[in-house]
Amino acid sequence: LKTGEGFSLEAIEAYLKESGTTISPALLFDRQPGAGAAAIFSAGFYREAFWPWVAWKNRALLDLAQELMTAAREVRPGLRFALNMYYETVLNPRMALAWYAQDLGVARSRTFDYFSLMSYHRQIGRELSYSPDDAIAAVGVLSRQAAAAAGNPARVIVKVQSLDWETHALIPAGEFDRALGAAAPGVSLAFVRGLDDPDLDVVRRHFSR
């Protein structure tokens, strides 16, 4: 939701220097009188000048990441790096670019070893009003699309939640098992845990492969 993030004097000057274009909030955003905060979820909120700006912001962030990876690998050449991605980066690339300045297609040209996908089925279900079954199925859709976009499923890490973000309760073993099992073949798996371990029999079954 950080459509205005990075809108600093330094960034505005750098963008002007590279593109020759001056930007301002009025040129980037079409905020109609009376529009609520939800307007940012609509493509109509963004003016034409917004899209070159956010694409530039994405490239600037990736340039910084590339500098950091290059410097770190000079000290330790074997270091591996993963780019963390929101689920929208795969499911809704245009709006993910708007909201988060993320673009998997552009990121592929950099030297990331992995793309780490936040495939949190309960979060997806709540935010997209999916049924529990559809939310778990979305993990499969996300991971397959990410694997295809990355060019190799081995470069994709599918992160699954083992606890509910809102209640902080462990997700039932059967549901956790189904969420892990929904991931596309050949991807790597990870799970986000809380203070308590999830069902370790489920973990052992999926991570033994």
Protein backbone atom coordinates (compact mmCIF):
# COMPACT_ATOMS: atom_id res chain seq x y z
CA LEU A 1 0.00 0.00 0.00
CA LYS A 2 3.04 2.25 -0.19
CA THR A 3 2.22 3.92 -3.48
CA GLY A 4 3.89 7.11 -2.26
CA GLU A 5 6.85 5.42 -0.63
CA GLY A 6 10.20 6.69 -1.86
CA PHE A 7 8.72 9.98 -3.03
CA SER A 8 11.61 12.00 -1.62
CA LEU A 9 13.37 15.10 -2.91
CA GLU A 10 16.41 12.95 -3.76
CA ALA A 11 14.30 10.47 -5.74
CA ILE A 12 12.46 13.25 -7.57
CA GLU A 13 15.78 14.83 -8.55
CA ALA A 14 17.25 11.50 -9.64
CA TYR A 15 14.18 10.73 -11.74
CA LEU A 16 14.32 14.16 -13.36
CA LYS A 17 18.01 13.70 -14.16
CA GLU A 18 17.49 10.28 -15.75
CA SER A 19 14.15 10.80 -17.49
CA GLY A 20 13.94 14.55 -17.98
CA THR A 21 10.48 14.42 -16.44
CA THR A 22 9.21 16.42 -13.47
CA ILE A 23 6.77 14.68 -11.17
CA SER A 24 4.46 15.69 -8.34
CA PRO A 25 1.63 14.02 -6.44
CA ALA A 26 -0.91 15.86 -8.60
CA LEU A 27 0.71 14.48 -11.76
CA LEU A 28 0.87 10.91 -10.41
CA PHE A 29 -2.39 10.42 -8.55
CA ASP A 30 -6.02 11.12 -9.45
CA ARG A 31 -7.63 11.40 -6.02
CA GLN A 32 -11.26 12.32 -6.55
CA PRO A 33 -13.05 14.39 -3.88
CA GLY A 34 -14.72 12.12 -1.39
CA ALA A 35 -12.75 9.03 -2.46
CA GLY A 36 -11.80 6.82 0.46
CA ALA A 37 -8.51 5.09 1.16
CA ALA A 38 -9.66 2.11 -0.94
CA ALA A 39 -9.19 4.23 -4.08
CA ILE A 40 -5.55 3.19 -4.17
CA PHE A 41 -6.67 -0.33 -5.11
CA SER A 42 -8.16 0.96 -8.37
CA ALA A 43 -6.09 1.35 -11.51
CA GLY A 44 -8.04 4.55 -12.12
CA PHE A 45 -6.28 6.11 -9.13
CA TYR A 46 -3.00 6.30 -11.04
CA ARG A 47 -2.40 8.86 -13.76
CA GLU A 48 -0.43 8.04 -16.91
CA ALA A 49 2.74 9.62 -15.51
CA PHE A 50 2.65 7.27 -12.53
CA TRP A 51 3.62 4.13 -14.45
CA PRO A 52 7.02 5.31 -15.80
CA TRP A 53 7.80 6.65 -12.33
CA VAL A 54 7.01 3.41 -10.50
CA ALA A 55 8.89 1.36 -13.12
CA TRP A 56 11.90 3.60 -12.50
CA LYS A 57 11.47 3.15 -8.74
CA ASN A 58 11.45 -0.63 -9.22
CA ARG A 59 14.67 -0.49 -11.24
CA ALA A 60 16.30 1.82 -8.66
CA LEU A 61 15.49 -0.60 -5.85
CA LEU A 62 16.85 -3.53 -7.87
CA ASP A 63 19.99 -1.52 -8.67
CA LEU A 64 20.55 -1.04 -4.95
CA ALA A 65 19.96 -4.73 -4.29
CA GLN A 66 22.42 -5.61 -7.05
CA GLU A 67 25.08 -3.34 -5.53
CA LEU A 68 24.62 -4.98 -2.14
CA MET A 69 24.80 -8.51 -3.59
CA THR A 70 27.90 -7.68 -5.62
CA ALA A 71 29.68 -6.16 -2.61
CA ALA A 72 28.76 -9.10 -0.37
CA ARG A 73 29.87 -11.67 -2.94
CA GLU A 74 33.27 -9.98 -3.19
CA VAL A 75 33.77 -10.95 0.44
CA ARG A 76 32.01 -14.31 0.27
CA PRO A 77 31.48 -15.49 -3.32
CA GLY A 78 29.20 -18.37 -2.38
CA LEU A 79 26.50 -16.23 -0.80
CA ARG A 80 22.99 -16.78 -2.12
CA PHE A 81 20.24 -14.19 -2.16
CA ALA A 82 16.46 -14.38 -2.34
CA LEU A 83 14.10 -11.60 -3.36
CA ASN A 84 11.01 -11.58 -1.16
CA MET A 85 7.80 -11.18 -3.16
CA TYR A 86 4.19 -10.48 -2.30
CA TYR A 87 1.58 -12.83 -3.72
CA GLU A 88 0.21 -9.96 -5.82
CA THR A 89 3.56 -9.79 -7.63
CA VAL A 90 2.53 -13.02 -9.34
CA LEU A 91 -1.27 -12.83 -9.33
CA ASN A 92 -1.64 -9.14 -10.20
CA PRO A 93 1.69 -7.88 -11.59
CA ARG A 94 0.49 -4.43 -12.69
CA MET A 95 -0.98 -3.53 -9.33
CA ALA A 96 1.93 -5.11 -7.46
CA LEU A 97 4.16 -2.72 -9.37
CA ALA A 98 1.91 0.13 -8.23
CA TRP A 99 1.63 -0.91 -4.59
CA TYR A 100 5.04 -2.43 -3.89
CA ALA A 101 7.28 -1.44 -6.82
CA GLN A 102 7.85 -5.13 -7.54
CA ASP A 103 8.22 -6.67 -11.00
CA LEU A 104 9.34 -10.30 -11.24
CA GLY A 105 10.03 -10.01 -14.96
CA VAL A 106 12.55 -7.22 -14.37
CA ALA A 107 14.01 -8.91 -11.28
CA ARG A 108 14.85 -11.99 -13.35
CA SER A 109 17.59 -10.00 -15.07
CA ARG A 110 19.43 -9.52 -11.77
CA THR A 111 21.57 -12.06 -9.93
CA PHE A 112 19.09 -13.23 -7.32
CA ASP A 113 19.41 -16.95 -6.67
CA TYR A 114 15.84 -17.36 -5.43
CA PHE A 115 12.47 -15.68 -5.44
CA SER A 116 10.70 -16.12 -2.11
CA LEU A 117 6.92 -16.09 -2.48
CA MET A 118 4.63 -15.11 0.42
CA SER A 119 2.03 -17.80 -0.25
CA TYR A 120 0.05 -17.28 2.93
CA HIS A 121 -3.26 -18.97 2.22
CA ARG A 122 -5.29 -17.55 5.10
CA GLN A 123 -4.11 -14.04 4.35
CA ILE A 124 -4.95 -14.55 0.68
CA GLY A 125 -8.36 -15.93 1.64
CA ARG A 126 -9.19 -12.95 3.83
CA GLU A 127 -7.92 -10.31 1.44
CA LEU A 128 -9.46 -11.79 -1.70
CA SER A 129 -12.60 -13.24 -0.05
CA TYR A 130 -11.65 -16.77 -1.11
CA SER A 131 -13.12 -19.89 0.44
CA PRO A 132 -10.63 -22.02 2.44
CA ASP A 133 -10.36 -24.48 -0.45
CA ASP A 134 -9.84 -21.73 -3.02
CA ALA A 135 -7.22 -20.06 -0.82
CA ILE A 136 -5.19 -23.27 -0.62
CA ALA A 137 -5.64 -23.82 -4.36
CA ALA A 138 -4.21 -20.31 -4.85
CA VAL A 139 -0.91 -21.55 -3.38
CA GLY A 140 -0.68 -23.96 -6.28
CA VAL A 141 -1.60 -21.31 -8.84
CA LEU A 142 0.89 -18.85 -7.37
CA SER A 143 3.75 -21.31 -7.22
CA ARG A 144 3.19 -22.63 -10.75
CA GLN A 145 3.04 -19.12 -12.21
CA ALA A 146 6.09 -18.03 -10.22
CA ALA A 147 8.04 -21.09 -11.36
CA ALA A 148 7.17 -20.35 -14.98
CA ALA A 149 8.07 -16.66 -14.61
CA ALA A 150 11.36 -17.47 -12.86
CA GLY A 151 12.26 -19.95 -15.58
CA ASN A 152 13.10 -22.71 -13.10
CA PRO A 153 10.97 -24.02 -10.19
CA ALA A 154 14.13 -24.57 -8.14
CA ARG A 155 14.53 -20.78 -7.95
CA VAL A 156 11.16 -20.37 -6.21
CA ILE A 157 10.72 -20.67 -2.44
CA VAL A 158 7.08 -21.12 -1.46
CA LYS A 159 6.49 -19.80 2.06
CA VAL A 160 3.43 -21.17 3.86
CA GLN A 161 1.98 -19.90 7.14
CA SER A 162 1.75 -22.37 10.01
CA LEU A 163 -0.20 -20.00 12.26
CA ASP A 164 -3.02 -17.57 11.72
CA TRP A 165 -1.76 -13.98 11.64
CA GLU A 166 -4.90 -12.61 13.28
CA THR A 167 -5.60 -15.17 16.00
CA HIS A 168 -1.96 -16.28 16.47
CA ALA A 169 -3.26 -19.84 16.76
CA LEU A 170 -1.56 -22.77 15.06
CA ILE A 171 -3.22 -23.80 11.82
CA PRO A 172 -4.71 -27.31 12.12
CA ALA A 173 -2.39 -30.05 10.92
CA GLY A 174 -4.65 -31.11 8.06
CA GLU A 175 -4.92 -27.59 6.69
CA PHE A 176 -1.19 -26.98 7.07
CA ASP A 177 -0.53 -30.26 5.26
CA ARG A 178 -2.81 -29.28 2.38
CA ALA A 179 -1.21 -25.84 2.04
CA LEU A 180 2.28 -27.31 1.80
CA GLY A 181 1.07 -30.02 -0.56
CA ALA A 182 -0.48 -27.45 -2.90
CA ALA A 183 2.93 -26.07 -3.90
CA ALA A 184 4.06 -26.77 -7.46
CA PRO A 185 6.46 -29.67 -8.06
CA GLY A 186 10.14 -28.79 -7.91
CA VAL A 187 9.87 -25.63 -5.80
CA SER A 188 11.51 -25.22 -2.42
CA LEU A 189 9.35 -24.98 0.69
CA ALA A 190 9.48 -22.83 3.80
CA PHE A 191 7.03 -22.17 6.59
CA VAL A 192 6.61 -19.22 8.91
CA ARG A 193 6.17 -20.29 12.53
CA GLY A 194 5.22 -18.64 15.78
CA LEU A 195 6.26 -19.48 19.31
CA ASP A 196 4.99 -23.05 18.97
CA ASP A 197 6.05 -25.65 16.43
CA PRO A 198 3.48 -26.78 13.88
CA ASP A 199 2.75 -30.47 13.52
CA LEU A 200 6.23 -31.90 13.01
CA ASP A 201 4.90 -35.04 11.30
CA VAL A 202 3.53 -32.78 8.57
CA VAL A 203 6.83 -30.90 8.36
CA ARG A 204 8.78 -34.15 8.15
CA ARG A 205 6.53 -35.52 5.40
CA HIS A 206 6.97 -32.50 3.13
CA PHE A 207 10.55 -31.52 3.87
CA SER A 208 12.01 -35.01 3.64
CA ARG A 209 11.84 -34.72 -0.13
